[in-house]
N, C-alpha and C. Protein backbone atom coordinates (compact mmCIF):
# COMPACT_ATOMS: atom_id res chain seq x y z
N MET A 1 1.22 17.88 62.93
CA MET A 1 1.76 19.06 62.29
C MET A 1 1.49 20.27 63.16
N ALA A 2 2.50 21.08 63.37
CA ALA A 2 2.34 22.30 64.16
C ALA A 2 1.86 23.41 63.24
N ASP A 3 0.93 24.23 63.71
CA ASP A 3 0.39 25.30 62.89
C ASP A 3 0.00 26.45 63.79
N THR A 4 0.00 27.66 63.24
CA THR A 4 -0.46 28.81 64.00
C THR A 4 -1.80 29.23 63.45
N ALA A 5 -2.72 29.59 64.32
CA ALA A 5 -4.07 29.91 63.91
C ALA A 5 -4.46 31.28 64.43
N PRO A 6 -5.20 32.08 63.61
CA PRO A 6 -5.64 33.40 64.07
C PRO A 6 -6.85 33.31 64.96
N CYS A 7 -7.10 32.15 65.52
CA CYS A 7 -8.24 31.88 66.39
C CYS A 7 -9.54 32.10 65.61
N VAL A 8 -10.53 32.77 66.17
CA VAL A 8 -11.84 32.81 65.53
C VAL A 8 -12.04 34.02 64.62
N ALA A 9 -11.07 34.93 64.56
CA ALA A 9 -11.16 36.15 63.76
C ALA A 9 -12.28 37.04 64.28
N SER A 10 -12.36 38.26 63.77
CA SER A 10 -13.35 39.22 64.27
C SER A 10 -14.77 38.83 63.89
N THR A 11 -14.91 38.00 62.84
CA THR A 11 -16.23 37.57 62.40
C THR A 11 -16.68 36.28 63.06
N PHE A 12 -15.81 35.67 63.86
CA PHE A 12 -16.11 34.43 64.58
C PHE A 12 -16.49 33.28 63.64
N ASP A 13 -16.06 33.36 62.37
CA ASP A 13 -16.36 32.28 61.43
C ASP A 13 -15.16 31.36 61.19
N THR A 14 -14.02 31.63 61.86
CA THR A 14 -12.88 30.73 61.81
C THR A 14 -12.99 29.76 62.99
N PRO A 15 -13.04 28.44 62.72
CA PRO A 15 -13.22 27.48 63.83
C PRO A 15 -12.10 27.59 64.85
N PHE A 16 -12.45 27.48 66.11
CA PHE A 16 -11.45 27.44 67.17
C PHE A 16 -10.54 26.24 66.91
N PRO A 17 -9.21 26.42 67.02
CA PRO A 17 -8.27 25.35 66.69
C PRO A 17 -8.57 24.05 67.42
N GLY A 18 -8.75 22.98 66.66
CA GLY A 18 -9.00 21.66 67.24
C GLY A 18 -10.46 21.36 67.48
N ALA A 19 -11.36 22.33 67.22
CA ALA A 19 -12.78 22.13 67.50
C ALA A 19 -13.49 21.47 66.32
N ILE A 20 -14.63 20.83 66.61
CA ILE A 20 -15.47 20.22 65.59
C ILE A 20 -16.90 20.72 65.78
N ASP A 21 -17.75 20.45 64.77
CA ASP A 21 -19.16 20.86 64.83
C ASP A 21 -19.28 22.35 65.15
N VAL A 22 -18.45 23.16 64.51
CA VAL A 22 -18.41 24.60 64.82
C VAL A 22 -19.47 25.35 64.02
N VAL A 23 -20.19 26.23 64.69
CA VAL A 23 -21.17 27.09 64.03
C VAL A 23 -21.01 28.52 64.54
N THR A 24 -21.29 29.47 63.67
CA THR A 24 -21.28 30.89 64.03
C THR A 24 -22.72 31.37 64.11
N ARG A 25 -23.06 32.04 65.19
CA ARG A 25 -24.44 32.51 65.37
C ARG A 25 -24.45 34.01 65.64
N HIS A 26 -25.61 34.62 65.43
CA HIS A 26 -25.76 36.03 65.78
C HIS A 26 -27.20 36.29 66.21
N ALA A 27 -27.36 37.29 67.04
CA ALA A 27 -28.68 37.68 67.52
C ALA A 27 -29.01 39.06 66.93
N ASP A 28 -30.17 39.15 66.29
CA ASP A 28 -30.58 40.44 65.72
C ASP A 28 -30.76 41.49 66.80
N VAL A 29 -31.24 41.04 67.95
CA VAL A 29 -31.42 41.95 69.09
C VAL A 29 -30.53 41.43 70.22
N PRO A 30 -29.31 42.00 70.37
CA PRO A 30 -28.39 41.51 71.42
C PRO A 30 -29.00 41.62 72.81
N SER A 31 -28.65 40.67 73.66
CA SER A 31 -29.11 40.67 75.04
C SER A 31 -27.98 40.14 75.90
N PRO A 32 -28.09 40.24 77.23
CA PRO A 32 -27.03 39.69 78.08
C PRO A 32 -26.76 38.22 77.83
N GLN A 33 -27.79 37.46 77.46
CA GLN A 33 -27.60 36.03 77.21
C GLN A 33 -27.02 35.77 75.82
N PHE A 34 -27.40 36.56 74.83
CA PHE A 34 -26.91 36.39 73.47
C PHE A 34 -26.41 37.74 72.95
N PRO A 35 -25.18 38.11 73.32
CA PRO A 35 -24.66 39.45 72.97
C PRO A 35 -24.14 39.54 71.53
N GLY A 36 -25.05 39.53 70.57
CA GLY A 36 -24.68 39.81 69.18
C GLY A 36 -24.14 38.64 68.41
N LEU A 37 -22.82 38.42 68.49
CA LEU A 37 -22.15 37.44 67.65
C LEU A 37 -21.39 36.45 68.52
N TRP A 38 -21.46 35.17 68.18
CA TRP A 38 -20.71 34.19 68.95
C TRP A 38 -20.46 32.92 68.13
N GLN A 39 -19.59 32.08 68.66
CA GLN A 39 -19.26 30.80 68.03
C GLN A 39 -19.48 29.67 69.03
N GLU A 40 -20.04 28.57 68.54
CA GLU A 40 -20.23 27.38 69.36
C GLU A 40 -19.55 26.20 68.70
N GLY A 41 -19.14 25.23 69.49
CA GLY A 41 -18.51 24.04 68.93
C GLY A 41 -18.18 23.04 70.02
N THR A 42 -17.53 21.97 69.62
CA THR A 42 -17.12 20.92 70.55
C THR A 42 -15.62 20.75 70.47
N ILE A 43 -14.98 20.71 71.64
CA ILE A 43 -13.53 20.53 71.71
C ILE A 43 -13.24 19.43 72.74
N LYS A 44 -12.66 18.34 72.28
CA LYS A 44 -12.33 17.19 73.13
C LYS A 44 -13.53 16.71 73.94
N GLY A 45 -14.69 16.71 73.29
CA GLY A 45 -15.90 16.21 73.94
C GLY A 45 -16.63 17.22 74.78
N PHE A 46 -16.11 18.45 74.93
CA PHE A 46 -16.76 19.48 75.72
C PHE A 46 -17.42 20.50 74.79
N LEU A 47 -18.52 21.08 75.24
CA LEU A 47 -19.21 22.11 74.49
C LEU A 47 -18.71 23.48 74.92
N TYR A 48 -18.35 24.33 73.95
CA TYR A 48 -17.86 25.67 74.28
C TYR A 48 -18.65 26.71 73.50
N ALA A 49 -18.61 27.94 74.01
CA ALA A 49 -19.15 29.09 73.29
C ALA A 49 -18.29 30.30 73.62
N MET A 50 -18.01 31.11 72.60
CA MET A 50 -17.27 32.36 72.77
C MET A 50 -18.06 33.48 72.12
N TYR A 51 -18.30 34.55 72.90
CA TYR A 51 -19.10 35.67 72.44
C TYR A 51 -18.23 36.87 72.10
N ALA A 52 -18.74 37.70 71.19
CA ALA A 52 -17.98 38.86 70.73
C ALA A 52 -17.73 39.88 71.83
N ASN A 53 -18.50 39.83 72.91
CA ASN A 53 -18.28 40.77 74.01
C ASN A 53 -17.20 40.28 74.98
N GLY A 54 -16.53 39.15 74.64
CA GLY A 54 -15.44 38.66 75.48
C GLY A 54 -15.84 37.63 76.50
N GLU A 55 -17.09 37.20 76.50
CA GLU A 55 -17.55 36.20 77.45
C GLU A 55 -17.58 34.82 76.79
N GLY A 56 -17.70 33.77 77.61
CA GLY A 56 -17.78 32.43 77.07
C GLY A 56 -17.98 31.41 78.17
N TYR A 57 -18.14 30.15 77.75
CA TYR A 57 -18.30 29.08 78.72
C TYR A 57 -17.78 27.77 78.15
N LEU A 58 -17.56 26.80 79.03
CA LEU A 58 -17.20 25.44 78.65
C LEU A 58 -17.96 24.51 79.58
N LYS A 59 -18.58 23.48 79.01
CA LYS A 59 -19.33 22.52 79.82
C LYS A 59 -19.42 21.20 79.06
N PRO A 60 -19.81 20.13 79.73
CA PRO A 60 -19.98 18.87 79.02
C PRO A 60 -21.06 19.00 77.96
N SER A 61 -20.96 18.24 76.90
CA SER A 61 -21.93 18.35 75.83
C SER A 61 -23.25 17.68 76.18
N ARG A 62 -23.25 16.80 77.16
CA ARG A 62 -24.51 16.16 77.54
C ARG A 62 -25.40 17.14 78.31
N GLU A 63 -26.69 16.88 78.23
CA GLU A 63 -27.64 17.77 78.88
C GLU A 63 -27.57 17.64 80.41
N ARG A 64 -27.93 18.72 81.09
CA ARG A 64 -27.98 18.75 82.55
C ARG A 64 -26.65 18.30 83.16
N ALA A 65 -25.59 18.88 82.69
CA ALA A 65 -24.26 18.50 83.19
C ALA A 65 -24.08 18.99 84.62
N GLY A 66 -23.11 18.36 85.29
CA GLY A 66 -22.88 18.71 86.68
C GLY A 66 -21.89 19.83 86.90
N TRP A 67 -21.31 20.39 85.82
CA TRP A 67 -20.35 21.48 86.01
C TRP A 67 -20.37 22.41 84.81
N GLN A 68 -19.83 23.60 85.02
CA GLN A 68 -19.68 24.59 83.95
C GLN A 68 -18.62 25.60 84.35
N ILE A 69 -17.81 26.01 83.40
CA ILE A 69 -16.83 27.08 83.60
C ILE A 69 -17.25 28.26 82.75
N THR A 70 -17.40 29.43 83.35
CA THR A 70 -17.72 30.65 82.61
C THR A 70 -16.56 31.62 82.76
N PHE A 71 -16.35 32.44 81.74
CA PHE A 71 -15.24 33.38 81.78
C PHE A 71 -15.62 34.65 81.02
N ALA A 72 -14.94 35.75 81.39
CA ALA A 72 -15.18 37.04 80.75
C ALA A 72 -13.85 37.76 80.61
N CYS A 73 -13.54 38.16 79.38
CA CYS A 73 -12.29 38.88 79.07
C CYS A 73 -12.67 40.20 78.42
N PRO A 74 -12.82 41.27 79.22
CA PRO A 74 -13.32 42.54 78.70
C PRO A 74 -12.52 43.07 77.51
N ASP A 75 -11.19 43.06 77.63
CA ASP A 75 -10.33 43.47 76.52
C ASP A 75 -8.94 42.91 76.75
N GLU A 76 -8.02 43.20 75.83
CA GLU A 76 -6.68 42.62 75.87
C GLU A 76 -5.83 43.17 77.00
N THR A 77 -6.26 44.27 77.62
CA THR A 77 -5.45 44.90 78.67
C THR A 77 -5.84 44.44 80.06
N GLN A 78 -6.97 43.73 80.19
CA GLN A 78 -7.46 43.32 81.50
C GLN A 78 -7.40 41.80 81.65
N GLU A 79 -7.26 41.36 82.89
CA GLU A 79 -7.27 39.93 83.17
C GLU A 79 -8.68 39.37 82.97
N CYS A 80 -8.75 38.12 82.55
CA CYS A 80 -10.04 37.47 82.40
C CYS A 80 -10.57 37.03 83.77
N ALA A 81 -11.86 37.18 83.97
CA ALA A 81 -12.49 36.69 85.20
C ALA A 81 -13.09 35.32 84.90
N THR A 82 -12.89 34.38 85.82
CA THR A 82 -13.35 33.00 85.62
C THR A 82 -14.12 32.54 86.85
N SER A 83 -15.20 31.81 86.61
CA SER A 83 -15.95 31.21 87.71
C SER A 83 -16.33 29.79 87.33
N THR A 84 -16.48 28.94 88.33
CA THR A 84 -16.82 27.55 88.09
C THR A 84 -18.07 27.17 88.87
N ASP A 85 -18.81 26.24 88.29
CA ASP A 85 -19.99 25.69 88.95
C ASP A 85 -19.82 24.17 88.93
N GLY A 86 -19.76 23.55 90.09
CA GLY A 86 -19.50 22.13 90.15
C GLY A 86 -18.01 21.85 90.19
N SER A 87 -17.62 20.64 89.77
CA SER A 87 -16.21 20.23 89.81
C SER A 87 -15.77 19.77 88.42
N PRO A 88 -15.31 20.71 87.58
CA PRO A 88 -14.86 20.34 86.24
C PRO A 88 -13.59 19.50 86.31
N PRO A 89 -13.34 18.65 85.31
CA PRO A 89 -12.08 17.91 85.26
C PRO A 89 -10.93 18.84 84.94
N ALA A 90 -9.71 18.41 85.26
CA ALA A 90 -8.54 19.27 85.06
C ALA A 90 -8.38 19.67 83.59
N GLU A 91 -8.69 18.76 82.67
CA GLU A 91 -8.52 19.07 81.25
C GLU A 91 -9.41 20.23 80.83
N ALA A 92 -10.56 20.39 81.49
CA ALA A 92 -11.46 21.48 81.14
C ALA A 92 -10.81 22.84 81.41
N PHE A 93 -10.00 22.94 82.47
CA PHE A 93 -9.34 24.21 82.77
C PHE A 93 -8.26 24.52 81.73
N LEU A 94 -7.58 23.48 81.23
CA LEU A 94 -6.58 23.70 80.19
C LEU A 94 -7.24 24.24 78.92
N ILE A 95 -8.39 23.68 78.56
CA ILE A 95 -9.11 24.15 77.39
C ILE A 95 -9.62 25.57 77.62
N THR A 96 -10.11 25.84 78.83
CA THR A 96 -10.60 27.19 79.14
C THR A 96 -9.50 28.23 78.99
N ASN A 97 -8.28 27.89 79.41
CA ASN A 97 -7.16 28.81 79.25
C ASN A 97 -6.94 29.17 77.79
N ARG A 98 -7.09 28.18 76.89
CA ARG A 98 -6.92 28.44 75.46
C ARG A 98 -8.07 29.28 74.91
N LEU A 99 -9.27 29.03 75.38
CA LEU A 99 -10.41 29.83 74.94
C LEU A 99 -10.24 31.29 75.35
N ARG A 100 -9.76 31.51 76.56
CA ARG A 100 -9.54 32.89 77.03
C ARG A 100 -8.43 33.56 76.24
N SER A 101 -7.37 32.81 75.93
CA SER A 101 -6.29 33.38 75.12
C SER A 101 -6.82 33.78 73.75
N CYS A 102 -7.72 32.97 73.23
CA CYS A 102 -8.33 33.28 71.93
C CYS A 102 -9.08 34.61 71.98
N LEU A 103 -9.91 34.78 73.02
CA LEU A 103 -10.70 36.01 73.14
C LEU A 103 -9.82 37.23 73.38
N ARG A 104 -8.62 37.03 73.93
CA ARG A 104 -7.69 38.13 74.17
C ARG A 104 -6.86 38.45 72.93
N GLY A 105 -7.11 37.75 71.83
CA GLY A 105 -6.44 38.07 70.58
C GLY A 105 -5.09 37.43 70.39
N GLU A 106 -4.75 36.44 71.23
CA GLU A 106 -3.46 35.78 71.10
C GLU A 106 -3.50 34.74 69.99
N VAL A 107 -2.35 34.54 69.33
CA VAL A 107 -2.24 33.52 68.30
C VAL A 107 -1.96 32.19 68.98
N LEU A 108 -2.77 31.19 68.66
CA LEU A 108 -2.62 29.89 69.28
C LEU A 108 -1.83 28.95 68.39
N THR A 109 -0.99 28.14 69.01
CA THR A 109 -0.25 27.12 68.29
C THR A 109 -0.89 25.78 68.57
N VAL A 110 -1.22 25.07 67.51
CA VAL A 110 -1.91 23.81 67.65
C VAL A 110 -1.02 22.70 67.14
N SER A 111 -0.90 21.65 67.89
CA SER A 111 -0.13 20.48 67.47
C SER A 111 -1.07 19.30 67.38
N GLU A 112 -1.23 18.77 66.19
CA GLU A 112 -2.08 17.62 65.99
C GLU A 112 -1.27 16.53 65.33
N PRO A 113 -1.05 15.40 66.01
CA PRO A 113 -0.28 14.33 65.41
C PRO A 113 -0.98 13.74 64.20
N GLU A 114 -0.23 13.46 63.15
CA GLU A 114 -0.80 12.82 61.98
C GLU A 114 -1.08 11.36 62.29
N PRO A 115 -2.19 10.82 61.78
CA PRO A 115 -2.50 9.42 62.06
C PRO A 115 -1.47 8.48 61.47
N GLU A 116 -1.15 7.44 62.21
CA GLU A 116 -0.19 6.45 61.73
C GLU A 116 -0.92 5.16 61.43
N PRO A 117 -0.55 4.49 60.34
CA PRO A 117 -1.20 3.22 60.03
C PRO A 117 -0.84 2.17 61.06
N PRO A 118 -1.73 1.21 61.31
CA PRO A 118 -1.41 0.15 62.28
C PRO A 118 -0.22 -0.66 61.82
N GLN A 119 0.61 -1.04 62.76
CA GLN A 119 1.82 -1.78 62.45
C GLN A 119 1.78 -3.13 63.14
N ALA A 120 2.31 -4.14 62.44
CA ALA A 120 2.41 -5.47 63.02
C ALA A 120 3.53 -5.48 64.04
N PRO A 121 3.44 -6.32 65.08
CA PRO A 121 4.52 -6.41 66.07
C PRO A 121 5.83 -6.76 65.40
N PRO A 122 6.96 -6.14 65.79
CA PRO A 122 8.24 -6.45 65.16
C PRO A 122 8.66 -7.87 65.46
N ALA A 123 9.28 -8.49 64.46
CA ALA A 123 9.80 -9.84 64.63
C ALA A 123 11.12 -9.78 65.38
N PHE A 124 11.27 -10.60 66.40
CA PHE A 124 12.49 -10.61 67.19
C PHE A 124 13.54 -11.46 66.49
N SER A 125 14.76 -11.00 66.56
CA SER A 125 15.88 -11.74 66.00
C SER A 125 17.02 -11.68 67.01
N SER A 126 18.15 -12.25 66.62
CA SER A 126 19.31 -12.21 67.52
C SER A 126 19.78 -10.80 67.76
N ALA A 127 19.51 -9.89 66.78
CA ALA A 127 19.91 -8.49 66.94
C ALA A 127 18.91 -7.70 67.76
N ASN A 128 17.70 -8.29 67.91
CA ASN A 128 16.65 -7.63 68.67
C ASN A 128 16.02 -8.66 69.59
N PRO A 129 16.73 -9.09 70.64
CA PRO A 129 16.26 -10.19 71.48
C PRO A 129 14.99 -9.84 72.22
N GLU A 130 14.22 -10.88 72.54
CA GLU A 130 13.00 -10.71 73.31
C GLU A 130 13.36 -10.34 74.74
N PRO A 131 12.64 -9.40 75.35
CA PRO A 131 12.96 -9.00 76.73
C PRO A 131 12.93 -10.19 77.67
N ALA A 132 13.79 -10.14 78.68
CA ALA A 132 13.84 -11.22 79.65
C ALA A 132 12.53 -11.31 80.39
N SER A 133 12.22 -12.51 80.87
CA SER A 133 10.97 -12.73 81.59
C SER A 133 10.88 -11.82 82.81
N GLY A 134 9.70 -11.17 82.98
CA GLY A 134 9.52 -10.30 84.14
C GLY A 134 10.01 -8.89 83.91
N THR A 135 10.55 -8.58 82.71
CA THR A 135 11.06 -7.25 82.42
C THR A 135 10.19 -6.63 81.34
N GLU A 136 9.71 -5.43 81.55
CA GLU A 136 8.88 -4.73 80.58
C GLU A 136 9.62 -3.52 80.07
N ALA A 137 9.50 -3.29 78.77
CA ALA A 137 10.14 -2.12 78.17
C ALA A 137 9.43 -0.87 78.67
N GLU A 138 10.19 0.11 79.06
CA GLU A 138 9.62 1.35 79.56
C GLU A 138 9.32 2.30 78.42
N SER A 139 8.18 2.92 78.48
CA SER A 139 7.82 3.93 77.48
C SER A 139 7.41 5.19 78.22
N PRO A 140 8.01 6.31 77.87
CA PRO A 140 7.71 7.54 78.60
C PRO A 140 6.27 7.95 78.39
N SER A 141 5.61 8.41 79.42
CA SER A 141 4.24 8.89 79.33
C SER A 141 4.14 10.23 80.05
N LEU A 142 3.28 11.07 79.53
CA LEU A 142 3.13 12.41 80.08
C LEU A 142 2.04 12.40 81.14
N CYS A 143 2.36 12.89 82.31
CA CYS A 143 1.38 12.96 83.40
C CYS A 143 0.57 14.25 83.21
N SER A 144 -0.75 14.11 83.18
CA SER A 144 -1.60 15.27 82.90
C SER A 144 -1.45 16.37 83.95
N ALA A 145 -1.11 16.00 85.19
CA ALA A 145 -0.97 17.00 86.24
C ALA A 145 0.18 17.96 85.97
N GLU A 146 1.18 17.54 85.18
CA GLU A 146 2.31 18.41 84.88
C GLU A 146 1.90 19.58 83.99
N GLU A 147 0.78 19.43 83.27
CA GLU A 147 0.34 20.49 82.35
C GLU A 147 -0.63 21.47 83.01
N ILE A 148 -1.08 21.15 84.21
CA ILE A 148 -2.08 22.00 84.86
C ILE A 148 -1.45 23.28 85.37
N GLN A 149 -1.97 24.41 84.94
CA GLN A 149 -1.42 25.71 85.34
C GLN A 149 -2.55 26.72 85.36
N GLY A 150 -2.87 27.25 86.52
CA GLY A 150 -3.92 28.26 86.63
C GLY A 150 -3.36 29.67 86.54
N GLU A 151 -4.25 30.65 86.63
CA GLU A 151 -3.84 32.06 86.56
C GLU A 151 -3.01 32.45 87.77
N THR A 152 -3.29 31.84 88.91
CA THR A 152 -2.55 32.11 90.13
C THR A 152 -2.12 30.78 90.74
N GLU A 153 -1.20 30.84 91.72
CA GLU A 153 -0.77 29.62 92.38
C GLU A 153 -1.96 28.96 93.10
N GLY A 154 -2.83 29.78 93.69
CA GLY A 154 -3.99 29.24 94.38
C GLY A 154 -4.89 28.45 93.44
N MET A 155 -5.13 28.98 92.23
CA MET A 155 -5.97 28.29 91.25
C MET A 155 -5.27 27.02 90.76
N THR A 156 -3.94 27.09 90.58
CA THR A 156 -3.20 25.89 90.17
C THR A 156 -3.37 24.78 91.19
N LEU A 157 -3.22 25.13 92.48
CA LEU A 157 -3.37 24.13 93.53
C LEU A 157 -4.78 23.53 93.52
N GLN A 158 -5.78 24.38 93.39
CA GLN A 158 -7.16 23.88 93.39
C GLN A 158 -7.43 22.98 92.19
N MET A 159 -6.89 23.32 91.02
CA MET A 159 -7.06 22.49 89.84
C MET A 159 -6.38 21.14 90.02
N LEU A 160 -5.21 21.12 90.66
CA LEU A 160 -4.51 19.87 90.93
C LEU A 160 -5.31 19.01 91.91
N LEU A 161 -5.93 19.65 92.89
CA LEU A 161 -6.73 18.91 93.86
C LEU A 161 -7.96 18.28 93.20
N VAL A 162 -8.53 18.98 92.21
CA VAL A 162 -9.63 18.40 91.44
C VAL A 162 -9.13 17.17 90.69
N GLU A 163 -7.96 17.29 90.08
CA GLU A 163 -7.36 16.16 89.35
C GLU A 163 -7.12 14.97 90.29
N ALA A 164 -6.84 15.27 91.56
CA ALA A 164 -6.59 14.21 92.54
C ALA A 164 -7.89 13.57 93.04
N GLY A 165 -9.03 14.08 92.59
CA GLY A 165 -10.30 13.48 92.96
C GLY A 165 -10.94 14.07 94.21
N THR A 166 -10.46 15.23 94.66
CA THR A 166 -11.05 15.86 95.84
C THR A 166 -11.85 17.09 95.44
N ASP A 167 -12.53 17.70 96.39
CA ASP A 167 -13.35 18.88 96.13
C ASP A 167 -12.78 20.07 96.90
N PRO A 168 -11.99 20.93 96.23
CA PRO A 168 -11.42 22.10 96.92
C PRO A 168 -12.34 23.31 96.94
N GLY A 169 -13.57 23.14 96.46
CA GLY A 169 -14.47 24.28 96.35
C GLY A 169 -14.28 24.99 95.02
N PRO A 170 -14.78 26.22 94.88
CA PRO A 170 -14.66 26.96 93.62
C PRO A 170 -13.19 27.18 93.24
N ILE A 171 -12.91 27.16 91.94
CA ILE A 171 -11.54 27.43 91.46
C ILE A 171 -11.38 28.94 91.37
N ASP A 172 -11.13 29.56 92.52
CA ASP A 172 -11.06 31.02 92.57
C ASP A 172 -9.71 31.53 93.11
N GLY A 173 -8.81 30.60 93.47
CA GLY A 173 -7.51 31.01 93.98
C GLY A 173 -7.48 31.33 95.46
N LEU A 174 -8.64 31.31 96.11
CA LEU A 174 -8.71 31.62 97.54
C LEU A 174 -8.59 30.32 98.34
N ILE A 175 -7.57 30.22 99.15
CA ILE A 175 -7.32 28.99 99.90
C ILE A 175 -8.10 29.03 101.20
N GLY A 176 -9.30 28.46 101.15
CA GLY A 176 -10.16 28.44 102.32
C GLY A 176 -10.22 27.07 102.97
N ILE A 177 -11.25 26.86 103.76
CA ILE A 177 -11.38 25.62 104.53
C ILE A 177 -11.49 24.41 103.60
N LYS A 178 -12.33 24.51 102.53
CA LYS A 178 -12.53 23.37 101.65
C LYS A 178 -11.25 23.01 100.91
N THR A 179 -10.48 24.04 100.51
CA THR A 179 -9.22 23.76 99.82
C THR A 179 -8.23 23.09 100.76
N ARG A 180 -8.14 23.57 102.01
CA ARG A 180 -7.23 22.97 102.98
C ARG A 180 -7.64 21.53 103.30
N ARG A 181 -8.94 21.31 103.40
CA ARG A 181 -9.42 19.96 103.69
C ARG A 181 -9.06 19.01 102.54
N ALA A 182 -9.24 19.48 101.31
CA ALA A 182 -8.89 18.66 100.15
C ALA A 182 -7.39 18.39 100.11
N LEU A 183 -6.59 19.40 100.47
CA LEU A 183 -5.13 19.24 100.48
C LEU A 183 -4.72 18.19 101.50
N ASN A 184 -5.37 18.21 102.66
CA ASN A 184 -5.07 17.21 103.69
C ASN A 184 -5.45 15.80 103.24
N GLU A 185 -6.50 15.70 102.42
CA GLU A 185 -6.89 14.38 101.90
C GLU A 185 -5.81 13.82 100.99
N VAL A 186 -5.20 14.68 100.19
CA VAL A 186 -4.18 14.22 99.24
C VAL A 186 -2.85 14.01 99.95
N LEU A 187 -2.50 14.90 100.86
CA LEU A 187 -1.22 14.79 101.57
C LEU A 187 -1.50 14.35 103.01
N ASP A 188 -1.24 15.22 103.98
CA ASP A 188 -1.56 14.91 105.37
C ASP A 188 -1.71 16.23 106.12
N SER A 189 -1.85 16.17 107.43
CA SER A 189 -2.09 17.39 108.21
C SER A 189 -0.94 18.37 108.14
N ALA A 190 0.28 17.89 107.82
CA ALA A 190 1.42 18.80 107.73
C ALA A 190 1.26 19.79 106.57
N ALA A 191 0.35 19.48 105.64
CA ALA A 191 0.13 20.35 104.48
C ALA A 191 -0.40 21.71 104.89
N ASP A 192 -1.01 21.81 106.08
CA ASP A 192 -1.56 23.10 106.54
C ASP A 192 -0.49 24.17 106.65
N GLU A 193 0.74 23.77 106.91
CA GLU A 193 1.81 24.74 107.11
C GLU A 193 2.63 24.98 105.85
N MET A 194 2.28 24.30 104.75
CA MET A 194 3.07 24.41 103.52
C MET A 194 2.81 25.73 102.80
N PRO A 195 3.86 26.39 102.30
CA PRO A 195 3.63 27.51 101.38
C PRO A 195 2.98 26.98 100.10
N LEU A 196 2.32 27.85 99.37
CA LEU A 196 1.60 27.42 98.17
C LEU A 196 2.51 26.70 97.17
N THR A 197 3.70 27.27 96.94
CA THR A 197 4.61 26.66 95.96
C THR A 197 4.96 25.24 96.36
N ASN A 198 5.24 25.01 97.64
CA ASN A 198 5.58 23.68 98.11
C ASN A 198 4.38 22.73 98.02
N ALA A 199 3.20 23.24 98.33
CA ALA A 199 2.01 22.40 98.26
C ALA A 199 1.73 21.97 96.83
N ILE A 200 1.90 22.90 95.87
CA ILE A 200 1.71 22.56 94.46
C ILE A 200 2.68 21.46 94.05
N HIS A 201 3.95 21.60 94.43
CA HIS A 201 4.96 20.60 94.09
C HIS A 201 4.62 19.25 94.72
N ALA A 202 4.15 19.27 95.97
CA ALA A 202 3.84 18.02 96.68
C ALA A 202 2.66 17.30 96.04
N VAL A 203 1.63 18.04 95.64
CA VAL A 203 0.47 17.41 95.01
C VAL A 203 0.84 16.87 93.64
N ARG A 204 1.63 17.65 92.87
CA ARG A 204 2.08 17.15 91.58
C ARG A 204 2.89 15.86 91.75
N SER A 205 3.77 15.82 92.76
CA SER A 205 4.57 14.64 93.02
C SER A 205 3.70 13.45 93.38
N ALA A 206 2.60 13.71 94.12
CA ALA A 206 1.70 12.63 94.49
C ALA A 206 0.93 12.09 93.26
N LEU A 207 0.61 13.00 92.34
CA LEU A 207 -0.12 12.60 91.13
C LEU A 207 0.81 12.01 90.07
N CYS A 208 2.05 12.46 90.06
CA CYS A 208 3.02 12.02 89.05
C CYS A 208 4.27 11.49 89.75
N PRO A 209 4.19 10.36 90.44
CA PRO A 209 5.34 9.88 91.21
C PRO A 209 6.58 9.60 90.37
N LYS A 210 6.39 9.10 89.13
CA LYS A 210 7.56 8.78 88.29
C LYS A 210 8.27 10.04 87.84
N ALA A 211 7.48 11.10 87.55
CA ALA A 211 8.11 12.36 87.11
C ALA A 211 8.89 13.01 88.22
N ALA A 212 8.49 12.75 89.48
CA ALA A 212 9.17 13.37 90.61
C ALA A 212 10.47 12.68 90.97
N GLU A 213 10.70 11.45 90.44
CA GLU A 213 11.91 10.72 90.78
C GLU A 213 13.14 11.32 90.10
């Protein structure tokens, strides 16, 4: 069912759309680490926190995780600043984008499929013949790389390179030596001369070969 949500509201007591184990906390004496009011919860297995001062983070829920994404959105008129520690999975950046949109006051649309009861395999008849030997029915599947979109083309490329299993360095949009090296691992040396838009398309095609056909 598709629904629109007012995100966490000014009191931070409305659960972030799709989150579980949500709690609202406050600090009697605000500090840089705990600035007054915030919300914590779990979204798709990741631990998140959003603070009333516009800051937040996303990291694995297990202790001593190897990565973390932090972000700060001063107000609705300014761009959010994002920094990464380690190599987060591509899905983490998609969730971070939604968390930042929430802090900027945007209304989020959530789509959650309703559970379907298990069904027995259909019985084949003359009107529904069994597929010929060696032939498999095709079912469309969504490639996760098609959904990856950063704030800039540089960040998009770096996020795609993470999805490809390489290390492009920090997700900061700056195409440096580590990003170029990771790009060459996914493509080849000719990638050094590619414009960003072409490189993004080439990496997506490498990750989603069927979608590129």
